[in-house]
Protein backbone atom coordinates (compact mmCIF):
# COMPACT_ATOMS: atom_id res chain seq x y z
CA MET A 1 10.29 9.45 -17.51
CA ARG A 2 12.24 9.55 -14.27
CA VAL A 3 10.27 8.43 -11.20
CA GLY A 4 11.20 9.13 -7.60
CA LEU A 5 9.90 6.11 -5.62
CA LEU A 6 9.41 7.13 -1.97
CA SER A 7 9.10 4.43 0.70
CA GLU A 8 9.02 4.10 4.47
CA GLY A 9 10.08 0.81 6.02
CA GLY A 10 9.93 -0.91 2.64
CA TYR A 11 11.68 -1.19 -0.72
CA PRO A 12 14.58 -1.58 -1.37
CA TYR A 13 15.17 -3.17 2.06
CA ALA A 14 14.87 -6.97 1.99
CA ALA A 15 13.05 -6.96 5.34
CA GLY A 16 10.69 -4.16 4.36
CA GLU A 17 6.97 -3.98 3.74
CA GLY A 18 5.68 -4.05 0.18
CA GLY A 19 9.08 -4.87 -1.26
CA GLU A 20 7.76 -7.43 -3.73
CA TRP A 21 5.22 -5.22 -5.46
CA CYS A 22 7.69 -2.34 -5.66
CA ASP A 23 10.36 -4.59 -7.14
CA ARG A 24 7.92 -5.97 -9.70
CA LEU A 25 6.78 -2.46 -10.56
CA VAL A 26 10.31 -1.20 -11.16
CA ARG A 27 11.23 -4.26 -13.24
CA GLY A 28 7.96 -4.20 -15.16
CA LEU A 29 8.34 -0.54 -16.13
CA GLY A 30 11.82 -0.95 -17.55
CA GLN A 31 11.27 1.91 -20.00
CA HIS A 32 11.31 4.37 -17.08
CA ASP A 33 14.21 5.32 -14.81
CA PHE A 34 13.68 5.08 -11.05
CA GLU A 35 15.37 6.85 -8.17
CA LEU A 36 14.70 5.26 -4.77
CA TYR A 37 14.30 7.44 -1.68
CA ALA A 38 13.93 5.10 1.29
CA LEU A 39 13.25 5.77 4.98
CA SER A 40 14.21 2.88 7.28
CA ARG A 41 12.52 2.07 10.59
CA SER A 42 15.19 0.15 12.47
CA ALA A 43 18.83 -0.90 12.47
CA ARG A 44 17.70 -4.48 11.93
CA GLN A 45 15.98 -3.48 8.72
CA GLU A 46 19.07 -1.73 7.45
CA ASP A 47 21.20 -4.78 8.29
CA SER A 48 18.88 -6.99 6.22
CA GLY A 49 20.33 -5.57 3.01
CA TRP A 50 18.58 -4.65 -0.23
CA HIS A 51 16.71 -6.43 -2.95
CA ALA A 52 18.76 -7.10 -6.08
CA LEU A 53 18.05 -3.91 -7.99
CA PRO A 54 17.43 -3.85 -11.75
CA GLY A 55 19.41 -1.68 -14.15
CA ASN A 56 16.77 1.05 -14.46
CA VAL A 57 17.30 2.05 -10.80
CA ARG A 58 19.64 4.99 -11.27
CA ARG A 59 20.30 5.85 -7.64
CA VAL A 60 19.30 5.04 -4.06
CA ARG A 61 19.13 7.55 -1.23
CA ALA A 62 18.36 6.28 2.28
CA ALA A 63 17.81 7.84 5.70
CA PRO A 64 16.68 6.44 9.08
CA LEU A 65 13.49 7.34 10.95
CA TRP A 66 14.96 5.87 14.12
CA GLY A 67 17.74 6.90 16.48
CA GLY A 68 19.30 10.33 16.18
CA PRO A 69 19.08 12.66 13.17
CA ALA A 70 20.02 11.09 9.86
CA PRO A 71 23.46 11.73 8.34
CA GLY A 72 21.71 13.55 5.49
CA CYS A 73 20.09 15.94 7.96
CA ALA A 74 22.61 18.76 7.79
CA SER A 75 20.84 20.48 10.67
CA ARG A 76 22.34 23.42 12.42
CA ALA A 77 22.26 23.38 16.20
CA TYR A 78 19.21 25.22 17.45
CA GLY A 79 21.39 27.54 19.46
CA SER A 80 22.97 28.80 16.23
CA TYR A 81 19.62 30.11 14.98
CA GLY A 82 19.42 33.86 14.91
CA ARG A 83 16.51 35.90 16.19
CA ASP A 84 14.66 35.82 12.86
CA GLN A 85 15.05 32.06 12.54
CA ARG A 86 13.80 31.50 16.10
CA ARG A 87 10.84 33.72 15.43
CA ARG A 88 10.00 31.86 12.22
CA PHE A 89 10.30 28.49 13.93
CA SER A 90 8.14 29.60 16.84
CA ALA A 91 5.39 30.84 14.52
CA HIS A 92 5.35 27.83 12.21
CA PHE A 93 5.72 25.17 14.90
CA GLY A 94 3.09 26.98 16.93
CA ASP A 95 0.65 26.64 14.04
CA LEU A 96 1.38 22.92 13.73
CA ALA A 97 1.04 22.39 17.50
CA ALA A 98 -2.28 24.25 17.56
CA ALA A 99 -3.56 22.19 14.63
CA ILE A 100 -3.04 18.90 16.50
CA THR A 101 -4.46 20.08 19.83
CA LEU A 102 -7.58 21.98 18.77
CA PRO A 103 -10.69 20.07 17.60
CA GLY A 104 -12.49 20.89 14.38
CA ASP A 105 -11.13 21.64 10.93
CA GLN A 106 -7.52 22.73 11.40
CA ALA A 107 -6.27 21.75 7.95
CA TYR A 108 -5.37 25.33 6.99
CA ARG A 109 -3.33 25.84 10.16
CA PHE A 110 -1.54 22.50 9.77
CA ALA A 111 -0.72 23.29 6.14
CA ASP A 112 0.64 26.72 7.06
CA GLY A 113 2.78 25.28 9.84
CA LEU A 114 4.11 22.40 7.73
CA ASP A 115 4.90 24.60 4.73
CA GLY A 116 6.59 27.16 6.95
CA LEU A 117 8.74 24.52 8.63
CA ALA A 118 9.69 23.11 5.23
CA GLY A 119 10.80 26.52 4.02
CA LEU A 120 12.77 27.13 7.21
CA ALA A 121 14.47 23.73 6.92
CA ARG A 122 15.50 24.47 3.34
CA ASP A 123 16.82 27.95 4.17
CA GLU A 124 18.66 27.06 7.36
CA GLY A 125 19.88 23.51 6.75
CA GLY A 126 17.41 21.47 8.81
CA LEU A 127 15.11 21.33 11.82
CA ALA A 128 16.24 18.30 13.82
CA ALA A 129 17.72 20.21 16.76
CA ALA A 130 14.97 22.85 16.76
CA LEU A 131 12.21 20.22 16.95
CA ARG A 132 13.82 18.82 20.11
CA SER A 133 14.54 22.20 21.67
CA GLU A 134 13.07 23.74 24.80
CA GLN A 135 11.14 26.25 22.70
CA ALA A 136 9.40 23.38 20.87
CA LEU A 137 8.39 21.89 24.22
CA ARG A 138 7.03 25.25 25.36
CA ALA A 139 5.05 25.64 22.14
CA LEU A 140 3.52 22.19 22.62
CA GLU A 141 2.69 22.93 26.24
CA THR A 142 1.09 26.26 25.33
CA ALA A 143 -1.05 24.56 22.68
CA CYS A 144 -2.14 21.85 25.11
CA ARG A 145 -3.16 24.48 27.72
CA ALA A 146 -4.92 26.78 25.24
CA PRO A 147 -8.67 27.37 25.63
CA GLY A 148 -10.65 24.90 23.55
CA ALA A 149 -7.88 22.29 23.35
CA HIS A 150 -8.85 18.64 23.34
CA PRO A 151 -9.63 17.52 26.93
CA ALA A 152 -7.32 14.50 26.60
CA VAL A 153 -4.25 16.73 26.12
CA TYR A 154 -4.96 19.29 28.83
CA GLY A 155 -3.18 17.21 31.46
CA THR A 156 -0.08 16.56 29.36
CA ARG A 157 3.03 16.17 31.50
CA VAL A 158 6.60 17.14 30.72
CA ALA A 159 7.46 13.48 30.09
CA ASP A 160 4.64 13.30 27.54
CA LEU A 161 5.89 16.44 25.82
CA LEU A 162 9.37 14.95 25.52
CA VAL A 163 7.95 11.81 23.88
CA VAL A 164 5.80 13.83 21.48
CA SER A 165 8.74 16.07 20.60
CA GLU A 166 10.89 13.04 19.74
CA LEU A 167 8.14 11.39 17.69
CA LEU A 168 7.43 14.59 15.77
CA GLU A 169 11.12 15.09 15.01
CA ARG A 170 11.34 11.61 13.54
CA ALA A 171 8.12 11.96 11.53
CA LEU A 172 9.23 15.36 10.19
CA ARG A 173 12.82 14.28 9.57
CA PRO A 174 12.32 14.20 5.77
CA LEU A 175 12.00 18.02 5.88
CA SER A 176 15.67 18.24 6.92
CA LEU A 177 17.15 15.83 4.39
CA ASP A 178 19.42 16.88 1.53
CA TRP A 179 17.20 15.24 -1.08
CA TYR A 180 16.02 18.48 -2.68
CA GLY A 181 19.18 19.68 -4.37
CA THR A 182 22.52 20.84 -3.01
CA ALA A 183 24.98 23.57 -3.84
CA GLY A 184 27.35 20.90 -5.17
CA GLY A 185 25.12 20.19 -8.13
CA ASP A 186 23.14 17.15 -6.89
CA ARG A 187 19.62 18.03 -7.99
CA GLY A 188 17.95 15.20 -6.03
CA LEU A 189 14.17 15.22 -6.36
CA ALA A 190 14.38 18.33 -8.52
CA ALA A 191 15.42 16.07 -11.40
CA VAL A 192 12.48 13.63 -11.31
CA ASP A 193 9.30 13.93 -13.34
CA LEU A 194 7.01 12.19 -10.85
CA CYS A 195 7.11 11.28 -7.16
CA HIS A 196 5.43 7.98 -6.25
CA ALA A 197 4.96 7.50 -2.49
CA THR A 198 4.13 4.03 -1.17
CA SER A 199 2.16 5.39 1.81
CA ALA A 200 0.46 8.56 2.99
CA GLY A 201 2.82 9.00 5.94
CA PRO A 202 6.34 10.37 6.34
CA ALA A 203 7.30 8.64 3.07
CA ALA A 204 5.14 11.14 1.17
CA LEU A 205 6.71 14.21 2.83
CA PRO A 206 9.57 14.40 0.30
CA GLY A 207 6.92 14.30 -2.42
CA LEU A 208 5.06 17.20 -0.80
CA LEU A 209 8.26 19.22 -0.72
CA ALA A 210 9.13 18.32 -4.32
CA LYS A 211 5.72 19.58 -5.39
CA ARG A 212 6.10 22.78 -3.38
CA PHE A 213 9.66 23.54 -4.49
CA PHE A 214 9.68 22.21 -8.06
CA GLY A 215 6.06 21.59 -9.06
CA THR A 216 6.63 17.81 -9.29
CA PRO A 217 3.33 15.88 -9.32
CA LEU A 218 2.74 13.38 -6.51
CA LEU A 219 1.17 9.91 -6.75
CA VAL A 220 0.27 8.11 -3.50
CA THR A 221 -0.32 4.35 -3.28
CA GLU A 222 -1.65 2.63 -0.16
CA TYR A 223 -2.19 -1.10 -0.06
CA GLU A 224 -2.60 -0.67 3.69
CA VAL A 225 -4.02 2.69 4.76
CA ARG A 226 -1.44 3.94 7.26
CA LEU A 227 -3.88 6.10 9.20
CA ARG A 228 -6.25 3.15 9.62
CA GLU A 229 -3.39 0.94 10.79
CA HIS A 230 -2.39 3.65 13.26
CA TYR A 231 -5.89 3.71 14.73
CA LEU A 232 -6.14 -0.09 14.93
CA SER A 233 -2.65 -0.69 16.34
CA GLY A 234 -3.84 -0.16 19.93
CA PRO A 235 -2.48 2.01 22.74
CA GLY A 236 0.88 0.28 23.13
CA ASP A 237 2.97 1.80 25.91
CA LEU A 238 2.12 5.44 25.11
CA SER A 239 0.04 7.61 27.43
CA LEU A 240 -3.37 8.97 26.43
CA PRO A 241 -2.11 12.54 25.75
CA VAL A 242 0.71 11.21 23.55
CA ARG A 243 -1.65 8.96 21.60
CA THR A 244 -4.12 11.81 21.15
CA LEU A 245 -1.51 14.25 19.87
CA MET A 246 0.16 11.78 17.52
CA SER A 247 -3.17 10.52 16.18
CA ALA A 248 -4.14 14.11 15.40
CA PHE A 249 -0.78 14.70 13.72
CA HIS A 250 -1.06 11.63 11.49
CA ARG A 251 -4.66 12.49 10.63
CA GLN A 252 -3.71 16.02 9.60
CA LEU A 253 -0.66 14.77 7.70
CA ALA A 254 -2.69 12.20 5.75
CA ALA A 255 -5.32 14.82 4.88
CA ARG A 256 -2.60 17.18 3.67
CA ILE A 257 -1.02 14.49 1.51
CA TYR A 258 -4.38 13.49 0.04
CA ALA A 259 -5.13 17.13 -0.75
CA GLU A 260 -1.85 17.61 -2.62
CA ALA A 261 -1.65 14.28 -4.45
CA ALA A 262 -2.57 14.29 -8.13
CA VAL A 263 -3.82 10.68 -7.92
CA ILE A 264 -4.32 8.34 -4.93
CA THR A 265 -4.53 4.58 -5.43
CA ALA A 266 -5.75 1.81 -3.15
CA GLY A 267 -5.70 -1.95 -3.48
CA ASP A 268 -9.43 -2.45 -3.01
CA GLY A 269 -12.69 -0.66 -2.38
CA GLN A 270 -12.39 -0.84 1.39
CA GLY A 271 -9.10 1.05 1.27
CA ARG A 272 -10.67 3.65 -1.04
CA ARG A 273 -13.51 4.21 1.42
CA TRP A 274 -11.02 4.77 4.24
CA GLN A 275 -9.05 7.21 2.12
CA GLU A 276 -12.19 9.10 1.21
CA ARG A 277 -13.27 9.26 4.85
CA CYS A 278 -9.82 10.62 5.74
CA GLY A 279 -10.19 13.49 3.28
CA ALA A 280 -9.24 12.15 -0.17
CA ASP A 281 -11.14 13.56 -3.13
CA ARG A 282 -13.18 10.83 -4.79
CA ALA A 283 -12.36 12.20 -8.25
CA ARG A 284 -8.65 11.50 -7.70
CA LEU A 285 -9.04 7.99 -6.26
CA ARG A 286 -8.14 4.92 -8.32
CA THR A 287 -8.18 1.20 -7.52
CA VAL A 288 -5.10 -0.79 -8.55
CA HIS A 289 -5.40 -4.36 -7.31
CA PRO A 290 -2.25 -6.06 -5.98
CA GLY A 291 -0.46 -8.18 -8.54
CA MET A 292 0.37 -11.85 -8.01
CA ASP A 293 2.60 -14.15 -10.05
CA ALA A 294 0.06 -16.26 -11.95
CA SER A 295 2.70 -18.71 -13.18
CA LEU A 296 3.06 -20.11 -9.65
CA TYR A 297 -0.51 -21.43 -9.77
CA GLU A 298 -0.63 -22.56 -13.39
CA ALA A 299 0.14 -26.22 -12.71
CA VAL A 300 -2.74 -26.52 -10.24
CA GLY A 301 -5.14 -24.16 -11.98
CA GLU A 302 -4.71 -25.69 -15.44
CA GLY A 303 -4.28 -29.29 -14.24
CA ASP A 304 -6.79 -32.09 -14.19
CA GLY A 305 -9.02 -30.78 -11.42
CA GLU A 306 -11.36 -33.78 -11.54
CA ALA A 307 -8.54 -36.15 -10.69
CA ALA A 308 -7.68 -34.26 -7.49
CA ASP A 309 -11.25 -33.33 -6.53
CA ASP A 310 -12.70 -36.13 -4.41
CA GLY A 311 -15.68 -34.10 -3.22
CA LEU A 312 -14.75 -34.68 0.43
CA THR A 313 -11.80 -32.38 1.27
CA LEU A 314 -12.14 -28.86 2.65
CA VAL A 315 -9.19 -26.47 2.93
CA TRP A 316 -9.18 -23.64 5.50
CA THR A 317 -6.76 -20.82 4.74
CA GLY A 318 -6.10 -17.14 5.26
CA GLY A 319 -5.92 -16.97 9.05
CA PRO A 320 -6.23 -18.76 12.40
CA VAL A 321 -8.96 -21.29 13.10
CA GLU A 322 -12.21 -19.74 14.31
CA PRO A 323 -14.57 -21.53 16.75
CA HIS A 324 -17.53 -21.63 14.38
CA LEU A 325 -15.47 -23.79 11.99
CA TRP A 326 -15.67 -26.76 14.37
CA GLU A 327 -19.44 -26.39 14.63
CA ALA A 328 -19.83 -26.31 10.86
CA LEU A 329 -17.50 -29.31 10.48
CA ALA A 330 -19.47 -31.31 13.05
CA THR A 331 -22.67 -30.64 11.10
CA LEU A 332 -21.05 -31.74 7.85
CA ARG A 333 -19.52 -34.90 9.29
CA THR A 334 -22.85 -35.89 10.76
CA ALA A 335 -24.23 -36.07 7.23
CA GLU A 336 -21.01 -37.42 5.66
CA PRO A 337 -18.40 -38.87 8.08
CA ALA A 338 -15.76 -39.10 5.31
CA ILE A 339 -15.42 -35.32 4.97
CA ARG A 340 -11.92 -34.10 5.85
CA LEU A 341 -10.54 -30.67 6.72
CA LYS A 342 -7.04 -29.37 6.06
CA VAL A 343 -6.04 -26.25 7.99
CA VAL A 344 -3.30 -24.35 6.15
CA GLY A 345 -0.92 -22.07 7.99
CA ALA A 346 -1.33 -23.47 11.51
CA PRO A 347 1.63 -25.15 13.26
CA PRO A 348 0.72 -28.83 13.69
CA ASP A 349 2.43 -29.08 17.10
CA THR A 350 0.31 -26.46 18.81
CA LEU A 351 -3.23 -27.03 17.52
CA HIS A 352 -5.39 -30.11 17.77
CA GLY A 353 -8.76 -30.49 16.15
CA PRO A 354 -11.50 -33.09 15.86
CA GLU A 355 -11.17 -36.33 13.95
CA GLY A 356 -10.53 -35.86 10.24
CA VAL A 357 -8.62 -32.57 10.68
CA THR A 358 -4.98 -32.09 9.67
CA PHE A 359 -2.76 -29.07 10.12
CA GLY A 360 0.16 -27.89 8.06
CA PRO A 361 2.21 -24.81 7.33
CA ALA A 362 1.48 -22.79 4.22
CA CYS A 363 3.73 -24.05 1.43
CA GLY A 364 2.24 -22.73 -1.78
CA PRO A 365 -0.20 -23.67 -4.53
CA GLU A 366 0.04 -27.36 -3.64
CA ASP A 367 -1.97 -26.60 -0.49
CA TYR A 368 -5.02 -26.13 -2.70
CA ALA A 369 -4.37 -29.07 -5.03
CA ASP A 370 -6.27 -31.70 -2.98
CA GLY A 371 -9.05 -29.36 -1.88
CA SER A 372 -12.56 -29.67 -3.27
CA VAL A 373 -13.71 -26.44 -1.58
CA VAL A 374 -11.54 -23.71 -0.07
CA LEU A 375 -12.80 -21.88 3.03
CA LEU A 376 -11.49 -18.42 3.80
CA SER A 377 -10.86 -17.20 7.32
CA GLY A 378 -12.81 -14.15 8.46
CA ALA A 379 -9.70 -12.36 9.75
CA HIS A 380 -9.32 -10.17 6.66
CA ASP A 381 -9.29 -6.40 6.83
CA GLY A 382 -7.22 -5.78 3.71
CA PHE A 383 -6.91 -7.52 0.38
CA PRO A 384 -7.60 -11.28 0.84
CA ALA A 385 -4.52 -12.69 -0.87
CA ALA A 386 -5.38 -16.27 0.15
CA LEU A 387 -8.71 -15.98 -1.65
CA ALA A 388 -6.97 -14.79 -4.81
CA GLU A 389 -4.57 -17.74 -4.57
CA ALA A 390 -7.48 -20.18 -4.42
CA MET A 391 -9.03 -18.45 -7.42
CA PHE A 392 -5.79 -18.81 -9.41
CA CYS A 393 -5.90 -22.51 -8.52
CA ALA A 394 -9.43 -22.79 -9.98
CA ARG A 395 -10.99 -23.82 -6.68
CA ALA A 396 -14.57 -23.20 -5.61
CA THR A 397 -14.58 -21.05 -2.48
CA VAL A 398 -16.79 -20.21 0.50
CA SER A 399 -15.91 -16.86 2.07
CA PRO A 400 -17.29 -14.67 4.87
CA ASP A 401 -18.77 -11.33 3.93
CA VAL A 402 -15.93 -9.19 5.32
CA GLY A 403 -13.48 -6.62 3.97
CA ALA A 404 -12.96 -6.72 0.22
CA VAL A 405 -14.19 -10.31 -0.26
CA ARG A 406 -17.22 -9.36 -2.38
CA GLU A 407 -15.07 -7.15 -4.60
CA VAL A 408 -12.46 -9.86 -5.12
CA ILE A 409 -14.69 -12.90 -5.56
CA GLY A 410 -17.37 -11.27 -7.69
CA GLY A 411 -19.86 -13.99 -8.59
CA THR A 412 -17.33 -16.83 -8.73
CA GLY A 413 -17.79 -18.19 -5.21
CA LEU A 414 -20.23 -18.43 -2.31
CA ILE A 415 -20.37 -15.74 0.38
CA VAL A 416 -21.84 -16.39 3.84
CA PRO A 417 -22.39 -14.21 6.93
CA PRO A 418 -19.27 -14.11 9.11
CA ARG A 419 -19.07 -16.45 12.12
CA ASP A 420 -22.25 -18.29 11.10
CA PRO A 421 -21.65 -22.07 11.38
CA ALA A 422 -25.04 -23.04 9.94
CA ALA A 423 -24.57 -20.90 6.82
CA LEU A 424 -21.00 -22.14 6.40
CA ALA A 425 -22.06 -25.78 6.65
CA ALA A 426 -24.93 -25.27 4.19
CA ALA A 427 -22.68 -23.62 1.61
CA CYS A 428 -20.06 -26.36 1.91
CA ARG A 429 -22.68 -29.09 1.62
CA ALA A 430 -24.13 -27.45 -1.50
CA LEU A 431 -20.74 -27.37 -3.23
CA LEU A 432 -19.50 -30.78 -2.08
CA GLY A 433 -22.66 -32.38 -3.45
CA ASP A 434 -22.44 -30.74 -6.89
CA PRO A 435 -19.14 -31.42 -8.73
CA GLY A 436 -20.33 -29.65 -11.88
CA ARG A 437 -21.02 -26.44 -9.96
CA ARG A 438 -17.62 -26.65 -8.28
CA ALA A 439 -15.92 -26.97 -11.64
CA ARG A 440 -17.84 -24.05 -13.16
CA LEU A 441 -17.16 -21.76 -10.19
CA GLY A 442 -13.49 -22.74 -10.14
CA ALA A 443 -13.04 -22.00 -13.83
CA ALA A 444 -14.81 -18.67 -13.50
CA ALA A 445 -12.70 -17.79 -10.45
CA ARG A 446 -9.45 -18.51 -12.29
CA ALA A 447 -10.56 -16.46 -15.29
CA ARG A 448 -11.41 -13.53 -12.99
CA ALA A 449 -8.07 -13.77 -11.17
CA LEU A 450 -6.14 -13.85 -14.46
CA GLU A 451 -7.98 -10.73 -15.56
CA LEU A 452 -7.67 -8.64 -12.39
CA PHE A 453 -4.93 -9.83 -10.05
CA THR A 454 -1.80 -10.57 -12.08
CA VAL A 455 1.54 -8.77 -11.92
CA GLU A 456 1.09 -7.73 -15.54
CA GLN A 457 -2.25 -6.10 -14.75
CA ASN A 458 -0.75 -4.27 -11.78
CA VAL A 459 2.25 -2.95 -13.72
CA SER A 460 0.12 -1.92 -16.69
CA ALA A 461 -2.30 -0.06 -14.42
CA PHE A 462 0.50 1.91 -12.77
CA GLY A 463 2.05 2.69 -16.15
CA ALA A 464 -1.28 4.18 -17.23
CA VAL A 465 -1.55 6.15 -13.97
CA TYR A 466 1.95 7.56 -14.50
CA LEU A 467 0.96 8.84 -17.93
CA GLU A 468 -2.31 10.22 -16.58
CA VAL A 469 -0.55 12.15 -13.82
CA LEU A 470 2.04 13.64 -16.15
CA SER A 471 -0.57 14.56 -18.74
CA ARG A 472 -2.49 16.55 -16.15
CA ALA A 473 0.40 18.08 -14.22
CA PRO A 474 3.66 17.96 -16.20
CA VAL A 475 6.69 19.13 -14.27
CA GLN A 476 8.64 22.01 -15.83
CA HIS A 477 12.35 21.51 -15.22
CA THR A 478 14.30 24.76 -15.05
CA ALA A 479 17.36 23.12 -16.63
CA PRO A 480 16.19 20.02 -18.53
CA ASP A 481 18.67 17.44 -19.66
CA PRO A 482 19.09 17.82 -23.47
CA ALA A 483 19.99 14.12 -23.72
CA VAL A 484 16.51 13.13 -22.49
CA PRO A 485 13.86 13.04 -25.25
CA PHE A 486 10.93 15.44 -24.72
CA SER A 487 12.62 17.04 -21.70
CA HIS A 488 11.42 20.41 -23.00
CA ALA A 489 7.74 21.23 -22.79
CA ALA A 490 6.11 21.70 -26.17
CA GLY A 491 5.23 25.31 -25.43
CA ALA A 492 8.83 26.11 -24.60
CA GLN A 493 9.95 25.91 -28.23
CA PRO A 494 9.89 29.18 -30.20
CA PRO A 495 7.60 29.25 -33.24
CA LEU A 496 9.12 28.79 -36.65
CA ALA A 497 10.02 32.02 -38.41
CA VAL A 498 8.06 32.42 -41.64
CA SER A 499 9.29 34.79 -44.34
CA PRO A 500 6.68 37.24 -45.64
CA ARG A 501 7.64 36.32 -49.22
CA ALA A 502 6.67 32.72 -48.45
CA ALA A 503 3.17 33.73 -47.38
CA SER A 504 1.65 32.59 -50.70
CA PRO A 505 2.67 29.90 -53.18
CA THR A 506 4.12 30.69 -56.60
CA TRP A 507 1.09 29.37 -58.42
CA ALA A 508 -1.00 32.06 -56.70
CA GLY A 509 0.80 34.76 -58.63
CA ARG A 510 3.75 35.50 -56.35
CA PRO A 511 6.71 36.64 -58.52
């Protein structure tokens, strides 16, 4: 099949987010062809270059979500719109503005406004200038002053409206791109069988349009839920009305994407719960754990663990040092002064700890080689990659009960309440004093990691999801490529003509 991989601030840019898992996915599914549709976030990201692309990447289309309108946005100047076009824009943008200013369930109004703007952009060559026009500002102001509008937006100033207008134009820029087929014969997303978006933000907008225009099914993957990250990112330098309006826009956009996606995947159960809370249908949610290269940890995980395990060394990884660690360490060293602690990932020149503590930058699997017990930091909201690394290295672990730790560790490690020094010290003492238990937990942890968190598992899971999506919602190309096997739907073939004389065999008496 041909897959349109849609990204924002990520693959194929070398300085992007999620580039590694996308690259492994494309290389692992070499039987499929990929077309990359990438939205960049900054000039620095574009200057970073691309990953080395494999041969099954057939084309790359890129457009910026920063600066002025993208080169692919063949937008007409707003002043060139006729009366009908201005009326259509006013109606559709008015619906979208009302949906992000009024409380309650406004999904229907947001969907009508977004679909109408998409149709207008396709008919008239883009929306970039219209979204920054005076009429757009007036529509936003009218929505903010309407009865029943959110109190936080009632005092919106002209400066706030200008900021919102610019942010909306950038977020909606994919509506104006030439990725949906041109008169010159470039079919763009009309030629793909499946759209796979790497987030439920602007990256998924081309997938929404491909589904609306061509019936192409949409798959959405979020290893970090964008809406959650938007809420947790803090106020920044934006005013309260701007933050309120843009939060409402991203919430409505995510809900719309979840409603239209055939399947939505997350990296862990916590991400799935956020997606479900933001409107995703539980029946269409799947968990596909991130994939890690198991070969990097084979030397440590399959080595002679008893030779390196002295029963005295703790390794802290996964985040900055937390105050309760020193209390737990003091308790442990009171009972056994020879216990040592290695803090991984902290610059040694800036942090100083008690006696017996060393600091070092994260280097790789060798960080876990000398550790008897690995301690995980509590600063984990997403998938705890450091915990999975320790599991690949066959190390017994003590982790706080936060995020997706229970889901990842299963029964192969100890879990303690977060920021509880007494519980942390007790768990460490129990493992340090029982080498047989450490060995059994480490072996079980490595077996679990090899089963759930490898690159091969990740690629295989996505391959199965691709087939599931196409089996449920196959795209019907209007002009399929005859050189591509099975490009015609089975029902599109005419039935075989059967001669009436051949209705019965000769041995049945037919002359």
